[in-house]
Amino acid sequence: MINVIKGILYRMVNNKGYLMMPVLITPIVIATAIYFSSSFMVKANIGVVGDTDINFNSDEINIVKLENKVPLSDLVKNKYEAIISFENGKAVVETIKDEEFKNKLERIANGEKVALEAGEKRGVAANIVGYITMFVIILGVMLYKFFFDDQKGIAKRVISANISYEQYVFSHFVSVFLMIFVPTGIITVLSKEVLNLNTSVTALELIFIIMILSFLGSAFGLLMSSVTRSEESATMLGNMINIITTLLAGSFFTISNNWFINVIGNIMPQRHILNFTIALENGKGISYADIGIVIVVSFLMIISSFLINKNKIRSYS
């Protein structure tokens, strides 16, 4: 099986497109995450309607004076975290975030010293992981090109290589995993050390997170390549699912704290990878439950892929 993996990796390395994706795009993704960490994640934009002269006793708020109320779409697009107006001297808060955030904002508007965040803040490491998640999963789908090239002749390849079909499929999985993990891990850790990023997450912990993320991306890519008949179909379906689930998981930002969206988002493995990183960054240690969920979901994808491919091989034979 090792020789098969070497052969697949050799074909990948000799295809320049395979090398350009992780080597060139990873630094761009990391730079974007660092930019957003230093720019847009510092303060919450709170719109205040009217000429009311109030003093918000909080360093986490950026006040934006408004003549009139803004449409709900501005809240959905994260232009404002909330809009505050006053009726009979009492603050009225409009927000798409949860009731706890709304209550805190009302208390701040009434002069109390209250922290908006409940202690767990997304730092630069969490932002890097959040932004790199979608890219890694996209890679996991795109790098199975040779798997599609081999599918119809897989029976002959299995016989000539003297291995089982499970080993042959697993060889593709391992090859894709290495092609994602090695360059992405190296570039991410180098960025952390060279740029001296302000995060409590160590290089070893960052490598572990990238490894788990690469494992998930490789498993997802294998599943998409197994349920579809062509590379184009796998890419289209995989990217659609990836974008929707990654956004719902809040990898880039919290799109809404609606309870239904939160329930869906909490199911996604991307959310658990992000929660694991945030826990590390806030000094809470390893969240074994989050990592366990991601590993279990990944193994379920791999097992499903093996079963689907076994049925396909029978039809090809």
C-alpha atoms as a PDB file:
ATOM      1  CA  MET A   1       0.000   0.000   0.000  1.00  0.00           C
ATOM      2  CA  ILE A   2       2.927   2.335   0.689  1.00  0.00           C
ATOM      3  CA  ASN A   3       4.082   2.017  -2.927  1.00  0.00           C
ATOM      4  CA  VAL A   4       0.573   2.913  -4.114  1.00  0.00           C
ATOM      5  CA  ILE A   5       0.562   6.016  -1.884  1.00  0.00           C
ATOM      6  CA  LYS A   6       3.986   6.999  -3.227  1.00  0.00           C
ATOM      7  CA  GLY A   7       2.684   6.601  -6.771  1.00  0.00           C
ATOM      8  CA  ILE A   8      -0.367   8.786  -6.135  1.00  0.00           C
ATOM      9  CA  LEU A   9       1.745  11.450  -4.405  1.00  0.00           C
ATOM     10  CA  TYR A  10       4.213  11.401  -7.297  1.00  0.00           C
ATOM     11  CA  ARG A  11       1.376  12.091  -9.732  1.00  0.00           C
ATOM     12  CA  MET A  12       0.096  14.900  -7.508  1.00  0.00           C
ATOM     13  CA  VAL A  13       3.481  16.590  -7.095  1.00  0.00           C
ATOM     14  CA  ASN A  14       4.083  16.496 -10.843  1.00  0.00           C
ATOM     15  CA  ASN A  15       0.804  18.330 -11.380  1.00  0.00           C
ATOM     16  CA  LYS A  16       1.596  21.997 -10.671  1.00  0.00           C
ATOM     17  CA  GLY A  17      -2.037  22.815  -9.921  1.00  0.00           C
ATOM     18  CA  TYR A  18      -1.936  20.492  -6.908  1.00  0.00           C
ATOM     19  CA  LEU A  19       1.009  22.347  -5.421  1.00  0.00           C
ATOM     20  CA  MET A  20      -0.175  25.881  -6.134  1.00  0.00           C
ATOM     21  CA  MET A  21      -3.434  25.569  -4.165  1.00  0.00           C
ATOM     22  CA  PRO A  22      -1.993  24.834  -0.682  1.00  0.00           C
ATOM     23  CA  VAL A  23       1.300  26.679  -1.187  1.00  0.00           C
ATOM     24  CA  LEU A  24      -0.021  29.959  -2.610  1.00  0.00           C
ATOM     25  CA  ILE A  25      -3.553  30.294  -1.281  1.00  0.00           C
ATOM     26  CA  THR A  26      -2.846  29.320   2.350  1.00  0.00           C
ATOM     27  CA  PRO A  27      -0.761  32.478   3.034  1.00  0.00           C
ATOM     28  CA  ILE A  28      -3.527  34.603   1.477  1.00  0.00           C
ATOM     29  CA  VAL A  29      -6.140  32.999   3.729  1.00  0.00           C
ATOM     30  CA  ILE A  30      -3.953  33.504   6.807  1.00  0.00           C
ATOM     31  CA  ALA A  31      -3.256  37.153   5.873  1.00  0.00           C
ATOM     32  CA  THR A  32      -7.011  37.737   5.490  1.00  0.00           C
ATOM     33  CA  ALA A  33      -7.667  36.223   8.917  1.00  0.00           C
ATOM     34  CA  ILE A  34      -4.994  38.398  10.532  1.00  0.00           C
ATOM     35  CA  TYR A  35      -6.412  41.500   8.825  1.00  0.00           C
ATOM     36  CA  PHE A  36      -9.931  40.813  10.053  1.00  0.00           C
ATOM     37  CA  SER A  37      -8.570  40.034  13.538  1.00  0.00           C
ATOM     38  CA  SER A  38      -6.935  43.439  13.804  1.00  0.00           C
ATOM     39  CA  SER A  39      -9.623  45.436  12.005  1.00  0.00           C
ATOM     40  CA  PHE A  40     -13.167  44.238  12.391  1.00  0.00           C
ATOM     41  CA  MET A  41     -13.035  42.094  15.499  1.00  0.00           C
ATOM     42  CA  VAL A  42     -12.014  44.830  17.928  1.00  0.00           C
ATOM     43  CA  LYS A  43     -15.260  46.650  18.695  1.00  0.00           C
ATOM     44  CA  ALA A  44     -18.957  46.102  18.148  1.00  0.00           C
ATOM     45  CA  ASN A  45     -20.677  48.756  16.016  1.00  0.00           C
ATOM     46  CA  ILE A  46     -23.764  49.967  17.860  1.00  0.00           C
ATOM     47  CA  GLY A  47     -26.107  52.382  16.105  1.00  0.00           C
ATOM     48  CA  VAL A  48     -27.774  55.008  18.295  1.00  0.00           C
ATOM     49  CA  VAL A  49     -30.852  56.703  16.841  1.00  0.00           C
ATOM     50  CA  GLY A  50     -31.421  60.370  17.593  1.00  0.00           C
ATOM     51  CA  ASP A  51     -29.405  63.179  19.111  1.00  0.00           C
ATOM     52  CA  THR A  52     -29.227  61.513  22.508  1.00  0.00           C
ATOM     53  CA  ASP A  53     -25.966  62.294  24.281  1.00  0.00           C
ATOM     54  CA  ILE A  54     -25.145  59.134  26.199  1.00  0.00           C
ATOM     55  CA  ASN A  55     -21.910  57.709  27.554  1.00  0.00           C
ATOM     56  CA  PHE A  56     -21.459  53.977  27.070  1.00  0.00           C
ATOM     57  CA  ASN A  57     -19.195  52.744  29.805  1.00  0.00           C
ATOM     58  CA  SER A  58     -17.568  50.044  27.671  1.00  0.00           C
ATOM     59  CA  ASP A  59     -14.345  49.669  25.669  1.00  0.00           C
ATOM     60  CA  GLU A  60     -15.951  47.043  23.413  1.00  0.00           C
ATOM     61  CA  ILE A  61     -18.409  49.393  21.716  1.00  0.00           C
ATOM     62  CA  ASN A  62     -18.060  51.743  18.754  1.00  0.00           C
ATOM     63  CA  ILE A  63     -20.966  54.220  18.705  1.00  0.00           C
ATOM     64  CA  VAL A  64     -22.431  55.210  15.324  1.00  0.00           C
ATOM     65  CA  LYS A  65     -24.889  58.121  15.421  1.00  0.00           C
ATOM     66  CA  LEU A  66     -27.984  57.586  13.247  1.00  0.00           C
ATOM     67  CA  GLU A  67     -30.782  59.953  12.301  1.00  0.00           C
ATOM     68  CA  ASN A  68     -33.259  57.141  11.623  1.00  0.00           C
ATOM     69  CA  LYS A  69     -33.522  53.423  12.221  1.00  0.00           C
ATOM     70  CA  VAL A  70     -31.720  51.236   9.699  1.00  0.00           C
ATOM     71  CA  PRO A  71     -33.283  48.231   7.907  1.00  0.00           C
ATOM     72  CA  LEU A  72     -32.992  44.759   9.402  1.00  0.00           C
ATOM     73  CA  SER A  73     -30.631  43.766   6.561  1.00  0.00           C
ATOM     74  CA  ASP A  74     -27.895  45.959   8.097  1.00  0.00           C
ATOM     75  CA  LEU A  75     -28.063  43.829  11.244  1.00  0.00           C
ATOM     76  CA  VAL A  76     -28.020  40.601   9.248  1.00  0.00           C
ATOM     77  CA  LYS A  77     -24.943  41.759   7.294  1.00  0.00           C
ATOM     78  CA  ASN A  78     -23.142  42.538  10.592  1.00  0.00           C
ATOM     79  CA  LYS A  79     -22.910  46.231   9.725  1.00  0.00           C
ATOM     80  CA  TYR A  80     -24.312  46.875  13.206  1.00  0.00           C
ATOM     81  CA  GLU A  81     -24.445  44.518  16.157  1.00  0.00           C
ATOM     82  CA  ALA A  82     -27.514  46.361  17.425  1.00  0.00           C
ATOM     83  CA  ILE A  83     -29.563  49.534  17.083  1.00  0.00           C
ATOM     84  CA  ILE A  84     -30.513  51.497  20.197  1.00  0.00           C
ATOM     85  CA  SER A  85     -33.303  54.030  20.373  1.00  0.00           C
ATOM     86  CA  PHE A  86     -34.878  55.689  23.399  1.00  0.00           C
ATOM     87  CA  GLU A  87     -38.530  55.821  24.328  1.00  0.00           C
ATOM     88  CA  ASN A  88     -39.517  57.869  27.406  1.00  0.00           C
ATOM     89  CA  GLY A  89     -35.877  57.868  28.492  1.00  0.00           C
ATOM     90  CA  LYS A  90     -35.591  54.065  28.367  1.00  0.00           C
ATOM     91  CA  ALA A  91     -33.236  52.254  25.996  1.00  0.00           C
ATOM     92  CA  VAL A  92     -34.866  50.014  23.372  1.00  0.00           C
ATOM     93  CA  VAL A  93     -32.449  47.545  21.748  1.00  0.00           C
ATOM     94  CA  GLU A  94     -32.995  45.889  18.365  1.00  0.00           C
ATOM     95  CA  THR A  95     -30.600  43.051  17.487  1.00  0.00           C
ATOM     96  CA  ILE A  96     -30.569  39.654  15.794  1.00  0.00           C
ATOM     97  CA  LYS A  97     -28.336  38.337  18.550  1.00  0.00           C
ATOM     98  CA  ASP A  98     -29.549  36.416  21.584  1.00  0.00           C
ATOM     99  CA  GLU A  99     -31.466  37.703  24.584  1.00  0.00           C
ATOM    100  CA  GLU A 100     -28.371  37.708  26.791  1.00  0.00           C
ATOM    101  CA  PHE A 101     -26.548  40.096  24.440  1.00  0.00           C
ATOM    102  CA  LYS A 102     -29.620  42.316  24.253  1.00  0.00           C
ATOM    103  CA  ASN A 103     -29.961  42.476  28.045  1.00  0.00           C
ATOM    104  CA  LYS A 104     -26.279  43.306  28.462  1.00  0.00           C
ATOM    105  CA  LEU A 105     -26.554  46.112  25.935  1.00  0.00           C
ATOM    106  CA  GLU A 106     -29.579  47.557  27.717  1.00  0.00           C
ATOM    107  CA  ARG A 107     -27.661  47.532  30.999  1.00  0.00           C
ATOM    108  CA  ILE A 108     -24.661  49.228  29.332  1.00  0.00           C
ATOM    109  CA  ALA A 109     -26.980  51.876  27.837  1.00  0.00           C
ATOM    110  CA  ASN A 110     -28.265  52.567  31.337  1.00  0.00           C
ATOM    111  CA  GLY A 111     -24.725  53.216  32.618  1.00  0.00           C
ATOM    112  CA  GLU A 112     -23.665  49.819  34.009  1.00  0.00           C
ATOM    113  CA  LYS A 113     -20.180  48.367  33.440  1.00  0.00           C
ATOM    114  CA  VAL A 114     -20.856  45.072  31.690  1.00  0.00           C
ATOM    115  CA  ALA A 115     -18.636  42.999  29.385  1.00  0.00           C
ATOM    116  CA  LEU A 116     -20.352  42.116  26.113  1.00  0.00           C
ATOM    117  CA  GLU A 117     -18.388  38.909  25.681  1.00  0.00           C
ATOM    118  CA  ALA A 118     -18.826  36.120  28.188  1.00  0.00           C
ATOM    119  CA  GLY A 119     -15.100  35.501  28.544  1.00  0.00           C
ATOM    120  CA  GLU A 120     -14.560  33.476  25.351  1.00  0.00           C
ATOM    121  CA  LYS A 121     -13.298  35.780  22.621  1.00  0.00           C
ATOM    122  CA  ARG A 122     -12.159  34.826  19.146  1.00  0.00           C
ATOM    123  CA  GLY A 123      -8.514  35.662  18.865  1.00  0.00           C
ATOM    124  CA  VAL A 124      -6.170  35.547  15.895  1.00  0.00           C
ATOM    125  CA  ALA A 125      -5.670  31.750  16.071  1.00  0.00           C
ATOM    126  CA  ALA A 126      -9.428  31.102  16.049  1.00  0.00           C
ATOM    127  CA  ASN A 127      -9.829  33.474  13.105  1.00  0.00           C
ATOM    128  CA  ILE A 128      -7.053  31.746  11.164  1.00  0.00           C
ATOM    129  CA  VAL A 129      -8.659  28.339  11.785  1.00  0.00           C
ATOM    130  CA  GLY A 130     -12.117  29.717  10.953  1.00  0.00           C
ATOM    131  CA  TYR A 131     -10.990  31.224   7.666  1.00  0.00           C
ATOM    132  CA  ILE A 132      -8.803  28.292   6.655  1.00  0.00           C
ATOM    133  CA  THR A 133     -11.566  25.732   7.292  1.00  0.00           C
ATOM    134  CA  MET A 134     -13.489  26.359   4.075  1.00  0.00           C
ATOM    135  CA  PHE A 135     -10.276  26.372   2.033  1.00  0.00           C
ATOM    136  CA  VAL A 136      -9.060  23.056   3.489  1.00  0.00           C
ATOM    137  CA  ILE A 137     -12.393  21.344   2.828  1.00  0.00           C
ATOM    138  CA  ILE A 138     -12.407  22.682  -0.757  1.00  0.00           C
ATOM    139  CA  LEU A 139      -8.920  21.197  -1.179  1.00  0.00           C
ATOM    140  CA  GLY A 140     -10.216  17.906   0.202  1.00  0.00           C
ATOM    141  CA  VAL A 141     -12.681  17.729  -2.674  1.00  0.00           C
ATOM    142  CA  MET A 142     -10.421  18.994  -5.463  1.00  0.00           C
ATOM    143  CA  LEU A 143      -7.456  16.718  -4.758  1.00  0.00           C
ATOM    144  CA  TYR A 144      -9.339  13.513  -5.629  1.00  0.00           C
ATOM    145  CA  LYS A 145      -8.813  14.101  -9.365  1.00  0.00           C
ATOM    146  CA  PHE A 146      -6.743  10.930  -9.778  1.00  0.00           C
ATOM    147  CA  PHE A 147      -9.321   8.943  -7.833  1.00  0.00           C
ATOM    148  CA  PHE A 148     -11.800   9.657 -10.621  1.00  0.00           C
ATOM    149  CA  ASP A 149      -9.154   8.833 -13.242  1.00  0.00           C
ATOM    150  CA  ASP A 150      -8.624   5.446 -11.556  1.00  0.00           C
ATOM    151  CA  GLN A 151     -12.218   4.460 -10.770  1.00  0.00           C
ATOM    152  CA  LYS A 152     -13.108   2.484 -13.894  1.00  0.00           C
ATOM    153  CA  GLY A 153      -9.764   0.713 -13.920  1.00  0.00           C
ATOM    154  CA  ILE A 154      -9.576   0.201 -10.190  1.00  0.00           C
ATOM    155  CA  ALA A 155     -10.122  -3.556 -10.381  1.00  0.00           C
ATOM    156  CA  LYS A 156      -7.049  -3.964 -12.601  1.00  0.00           C
ATOM    157  CA  ARG A 157      -4.995  -1.647 -10.401  1.00  0.00           C
ATOM    158  CA  VAL A 158      -5.983  -3.568  -7.257  1.00  0.00           C
ATOM    159  CA  ILE A 159      -4.983  -6.887  -8.859  1.00  0.00           C
ATOM    160  CA  SER A 160      -1.671  -5.523 -10.191  1.00  0.00           C
ATOM    161  CA  ALA A 161      -0.794  -3.882  -6.864  1.00  0.00           C
ATOM    162  CA  ASN A 162      -1.790  -7.026  -4.926  1.00  0.00           C
ATOM    163  CA  ILE A 163      -3.852  -5.092  -2.355  1.00  0.00           C
ATOM    164  CA  SER A 164      -7.512  -5.031  -1.361  1.00  0.00           C
ATOM    165  CA  TYR A 165      -9.934  -2.445  -2.741  1.00  0.00           C
ATOM    166  CA  GLU A 166     -10.203  -0.939   0.770  1.00  0.00           C
ATOM    167  CA  GLN A 167      -6.444  -0.429   0.844  1.00  0.00           C
ATOM    168  CA  TYR A 168      -6.501   1.131  -2.614  1.00  0.00           C
ATOM    169  CA  VAL A 169      -9.261   3.608  -1.716  1.00  0.00           C
ATOM    170  CA  PHE A 170      -7.536   4.315   1.600  1.00  0.00           C
ATOM    171  CA  SER A 171      -4.304   5.026  -0.317  1.00  0.00           C
ATOM    172  CA  HIS A 172      -6.049   7.886  -2.101  1.00  0.00           C
ATOM    173  CA  PHE A 173      -7.372   9.158   1.227  1.00  0.00           C
ATOM    174  CA  VAL A 174      -3.901   9.139   2.813  1.00  0.00           C
ATOM    175  CA  SER A 175      -2.371  10.841  -0.230  1.00  0.00           C
ATOM    176  CA  VAL A 176      -4.940  13.652  -0.171  1.00  0.00           C
ATOM    177  CA  PHE A 177      -4.538  14.034   3.608  1.00  0.00           C
ATOM    178  CA  LEU A 178      -0.749  14.417   3.288  1.00  0.00           C
ATOM    179  CA  MET A 179      -1.121  16.837   0.386  1.00  0.00           C
ATOM    180  CA  ILE A 180      -3.369  19.061   2.527  1.00  0.00           C
ATOM    181  CA  PHE A 181      -1.773  18.682   5.943  1.00  0.00           C
ATOM    182  CA  VAL A 182       1.949  19.022   5.188  1.00  0.00           C
ATOM    183  CA  PRO A 183       2.032  22.338   3.264  1.00  0.00           C
ATOM    184  CA  THR A 184      -0.906  23.893   5.163  1.00  0.00           C
ATOM    185  CA  GLY A 185       0.574  22.936   8.546  1.00  0.00           C
ATOM    186  CA  ILE A 186       4.041  24.200   7.669  1.00  0.00           C
ATOM    187  CA  ILE A 187       2.826  27.532   6.265  1.00  0.00           C
ATOM    188  CA  THR A 188       0.422  28.131   9.172  1.00  0.00           C
ATOM    189  CA  VAL A 189       3.042  27.445  11.845  1.00  0.00           C
ATOM    190  CA  LEU A 190       5.680  29.493  10.005  1.00  0.00           C
ATOM    191  CA  SER A 191       3.221  32.406   9.819  1.00  0.00           C
ATOM    192  CA  LYS A 192       2.616  32.174  13.550  1.00  0.00           C
ATOM    193  CA  GLU A 193       6.329  32.136  14.406  1.00  0.00           C
ATOM    194  CA  VAL A 194       7.600  34.640  11.825  1.00  0.00           C
ATOM    195  CA  LEU A 195       4.815  37.172  12.405  1.00  0.00           C
ATOM    196  CA  ASN A 196       4.870  36.544  16.170  1.00  0.00           C
ATOM    197  CA  LEU A 197       1.083  36.422  16.305  1.00  0.00           C
ATOM    198  CA  ASN A 198      -0.551  37.409  19.561  1.00  0.00           C
ATOM    199  CA  THR A 199      -2.128  34.087  20.554  1.00  0.00           C
ATOM    200  CA  SER A 200      -1.800  31.644  23.431  1.00  0.00           C
ATOM    201  CA  VAL A 201      -2.204  28.679  21.061  1.00  0.00           C
ATOM    202  CA  THR A 202       1.178  26.967  20.699  1.00  0.00           C
ATOM    203  CA  ALA A 203       2.710  25.807  17.409  1.00  0.00           C
ATOM    204  CA  LEU A 204       2.179  22.172  18.436  1.00  0.00           C
ATOM    205  CA  GLU A 205      -1.506  22.811  19.194  1.00  0.00           C
ATOM    206  CA  LEU A 206      -1.891  24.617  15.870  1.00  0.00           C
ATOM    207  CA  ILE A 207      -0.377  21.640  14.027  1.00  0.00           C
ATOM    208  CA  PHE A 208      -2.827  19.338  15.825  1.00  0.00           C
ATOM    209  CA  ILE A 209      -5.787  21.530  14.801  1.00  0.00           C
ATOM    210  CA  ILE A 210      -4.625  21.595  11.163  1.00  0.00           C
ATOM    211  CA  MET A 211      -4.205  17.807  11.284  1.00  0.00           C
ATOM    212  CA  ILE A 212      -7.796  17.276  12.507  1.00  0.00           C
ATOM    213  CA  LEU A 213      -9.086  19.776   9.945  1.00  0.00           C
ATOM    214  CA  SER A 214      -7.127  18.041   7.158  1.00  0.00           C
ATOM    215  CA  PHE A 215      -8.534  14.692   8.284  1.00  0.00           C
ATOM    216  CA  LEU A 216     -12.079  16.080   8.059  1.00  0.00           C
ATOM    217  CA  GLY A 217     -11.432  17.680   4.663  1.00  0.00           C
ATOM    218  CA  SER A 218      -9.959  14.461   3.242  1.00  0.00           C
ATOM    219  CA  ALA A 219     -12.878  12.393   4.550  1.00  0.00           C
ATOM    220  CA  PHE A 220     -15.437  14.830   3.136  1.00  0.00           C
ATOM    221  CA  GLY A 221     -13.657  14.890  -0.234  1.00  0.00           C
ATOM    222  CA  LEU A 222     -13.626  11.082  -0.352  1.00  0.00           C
ATOM    223  CA  LEU A 223     -17.352  10.969   0.366  1.00  0.00           C
ATOM    224  CA  MET A 224     -18.153  13.542  -2.331  1.00  0.00           C
ATOM    225  CA  SER A 225     -15.966  11.654  -4.816  1.00  0.00           C
ATOM    226  CA  SER A 226     -17.760   8.416  -3.940  1.00  0.00           C
ATOM    227  CA  VAL A 227     -21.366   9.615  -4.266  1.00  0.00           C
ATOM    228  CA  THR A 228     -20.807  11.419  -7.587  1.00  0.00           C
ATOM    229  CA  ARG A 229     -19.838  10.125 -11.024  1.00  0.00           C
ATOM    230  CA  SER A 230     -17.452  12.858 -12.159  1.00  0.00           C
ATOM    231  CA  GLU A 231     -14.877  15.278 -10.809  1.00  0.00           C
ATOM    232  CA  GLU A 232     -17.007  18.253 -11.875  1.00  0.00           C
ATOM    233  CA  SER A 233     -20.055  16.920 -10.007  1.00  0.00           C
ATOM    234  CA  ALA A 234     -18.014  16.251  -6.867  1.00  0.00           C
ATOM    235  CA  THR A 235     -16.554  19.777  -6.942  1.00  0.00           C
ATOM    236  CA  MET A 236     -19.943  21.419  -7.480  1.00  0.00           C
ATOM    237  CA  LEU A 237     -21.759  19.415  -4.803  1.00  0.00           C
ATOM    238  CA  GLY A 238     -18.836  19.547  -2.356  1.00  0.00           C
ATOM    239  CA  ASN A 239     -18.360  23.307  -2.655  1.00  0.00           C
ATOM    240  CA  MET A 240     -22.089  23.975  -2.242  1.00  0.00           C
ATOM    241  CA  ILE A 241     -22.298  21.868   0.932  1.00  0.00           C
ATOM    242  CA  ASN A 242     -18.998  23.259   2.207  1.00  0.00           C
ATOM    243  CA  ILE A 243     -19.994  26.917   1.814  1.00  0.00           C
ATOM    244  CA  ILE A 244     -23.425  26.480   3.408  1.00  0.00           C
ATOM    245  CA  THR A 245     -22.259  24.378   6.377  1.00  0.00           C
ATOM    246  CA  THR A 246     -19.140  26.461   7.048  1.00  0.00           C
ATOM    247  CA  LEU A 247     -21.168  29.680   7.095  1.00  0.00           C
ATOM    248  CA  LEU A 248     -23.819  28.150   9.369  1.00  0.00           C
ATOM    249  CA  ALA A 249     -21.055  26.912  11.672  1.00  0.00           C
ATOM    250  CA  GLY A 250     -19.891  30.521  12.127  1.00  0.00           C
ATOM    251  CA  SER A 251     -16.345  29.901  10.894  1.00  0.00           C
ATOM    252  CA  PHE A 252     -16.094  33.447   9.516  1.00  0.00           C
ATOM    253  CA  PHE A 253     -18.518  35.276  11.804  1.00  0.00           C
ATOM    254  CA  THR A 254     -21.775  34.683  13.627  1.00  0.00           C
ATOM    255  CA  ILE A 255     -24.441  35.205  10.986  1.00  0.00           C
ATOM    256  CA  SER A 256     -27.273  35.047  13.525  1.00  0.00           C
ATOM    257  CA  ASN A 257     -27.997  33.868  17.037  1.00  0.00           C
ATOM    258  CA  ASN A 258     -31.423  32.596  16.086  1.00  0.00           C
ATOM    259  CA  TRP A 259     -31.966  29.391  18.082  1.00  0.00           C
ATOM    260  CA  PHE A 260     -32.781  27.319  14.985  1.00  0.00           C
ATOM    261  CA  ILE A 261     -29.656  28.424  13.100  1.00  0.00           C
ATOM    262  CA  ASN A 262     -27.597  27.812  16.246  1.00  0.00           C
ATOM    263  CA  VAL A 263     -28.948  24.263  16.512  1.00  0.00           C
ATOM    264  CA  ILE A 264     -27.989  23.574  12.889  1.00  0.00           C
ATOM    265  CA  GLY A 265     -24.606  25.266  13.296  1.00  0.00           C
ATOM    266  CA  ASN A 266     -23.761  23.261  16.409  1.00  0.00           C
ATOM    267  CA  ILE A 267     -24.215  20.031  14.448  1.00  0.00           C
ATOM    268  CA  MET A 268     -21.510  20.964  11.946  1.00  0.00           C
ATOM    269  CA  PRO A 269     -18.001  19.576  12.600  1.00  0.00           C
ATOM    270  CA  GLN A 270     -16.561  22.950  11.535  1.00  0.00           C
ATOM    271  CA  ARG A 271     -18.167  24.523  14.615  1.00  0.00           C
ATOM    272  CA  HIS A 272     -16.522  21.958  16.894  1.00  0.00           C
ATOM    273  CA  ILE A 273     -13.082  22.618  15.408  1.00  0.00           C
ATOM    274  CA  LEU A 274     -13.623  26.338  15.991  1.00  0.00           C
ATOM    275  CA  ASN A 275     -14.900  25.738  19.558  1.00  0.00           C
ATOM    276  CA  PHE A 276     -11.809  23.632  20.264  1.00  0.00           C
ATOM    277  CA  THR A 277      -9.522  26.462  19.076  1.00  0.00           C
ATOM    278  CA  ILE A 278     -11.411  29.114  21.061  1.00  0.00           C
ATOM    279  CA  ALA A 279     -11.201  26.970  24.212  1.00  0.00           C
ATOM    280  CA  LEU A 280      -7.428  26.655  23.787  1.00  0.00           C
ATOM    281  CA  GLU A 281      -7.041  30.364  23.111  1.00  0.00           C
ATOM    282  CA  ASN A 282      -9.006  31.245  26.244  1.00  0.00           C
ATOM    283  CA  GLY A 283      -6.928  28.909  28.423  1.00  0.00           C
ATOM    284  CA  LYS A 284      -9.638  26.277  28.934  1.00  0.00           C
ATOM    285  CA  GLY A 285      -7.472  23.402  27.720  1.00  0.00           C
ATOM    286  CA  ILE A 286      -8.341  20.586  25.328  1.00  0.00           C
ATOM    287  CA  SER A 287     -12.024  20.098  24.558  1.00  0.00           C
ATOM    288  CA  TYR A 288     -12.071  16.328  24.043  1.00  0.00           C
ATOM    289  CA  ALA A 289     -15.776  16.245  23.172  1.00  0.00           C
ATOM    290  CA  ASP A 290     -15.330  18.660  20.242  1.00  0.00           C
ATOM    291  CA  ILE A 291     -12.377  16.729  18.826  1.00  0.00           C
ATOM    292  CA  GLY A 292     -14.170  13.412  19.368  1.00  0.00           C
ATOM    293  CA  ILE A 293     -17.211  14.600  17.385  1.00  0.00           C
ATOM    294  CA  VAL A 294     -15.052  15.690  14.425  1.00  0.00           C
ATOM    295  CA  ILE A 295     -13.175  12.368  14.387  1.00  0.00           C
ATOM    296  CA  VAL A 296     -16.394  10.322  14.604  1.00  0.00           C
ATOM    297  CA  VAL A 297     -18.032  12.311  11.770  1.00  0.00           C
ATOM    298  CA  SER A 298     -14.889  11.883   9.643  1.00  0.00           C
ATOM    299  CA  PHE A 299     -14.789   8.115  10.217  1.00  0.00           C
ATOM    300  CA  LEU A 300     -18.474   7.829   9.311  1.00  0.00           C
ATOM    301  CA  MET A 301     -17.713   9.600   6.020  1.00  0.00           C
ATOM    302  CA  ILE A 302     -14.793   7.242   5.320  1.00  0.00           C
ATOM    303  CA  ILE A 303     -16.801   4.101   6.111  1.00  0.00           C
ATOM    304  CA  SER A 304     -19.695   5.305   3.945  1.00  0.00           C
ATOM    305  CA  SER A 305     -17.240   5.964   1.114  1.00  0.00           C
ATOM    306  CA  PHE A 306     -15.817   2.444   1.343  1.00  0.00           C
ATOM    307  CA  LEU A 307     -19.301   0.923   1.157  1.00  0.00           C
ATOM    308  CA  ILE A 308     -20.307   3.090  -1.813  1.00  0.00           C
ATOM    309  CA  ASN A 309     -17.084   2.339  -3.697  1.00  0.00           C
ATOM    310  CA  LYS A 310     -17.394  -1.392  -3.041  1.00  0.00           C
ATOM    311  CA  ASN A 311     -20.769  -1.321  -4.748  1.00  0.00           C
ATOM    312  CA  LYS A 312     -19.328   0.737  -7.643  1.00  0.00           C
ATOM    313  CA  ILE A 313     -16.457  -1.694  -8.153  1.00  0.00           C
ATOM    314  CA  ARG A 314     -18.920  -4.571  -8.464  1.00  0.00           C
ATOM    315  CA  SER A 315     -20.792  -2.683 -11.178  1.00  0.00           C
ATOM    316  CA  TYR A 316     -17.541  -1.944 -13.044  1.00  0.00           C
ATOM    317  CA  SER A 317     -16.602  -5.623 -12.882  1.00  0.00           C
END
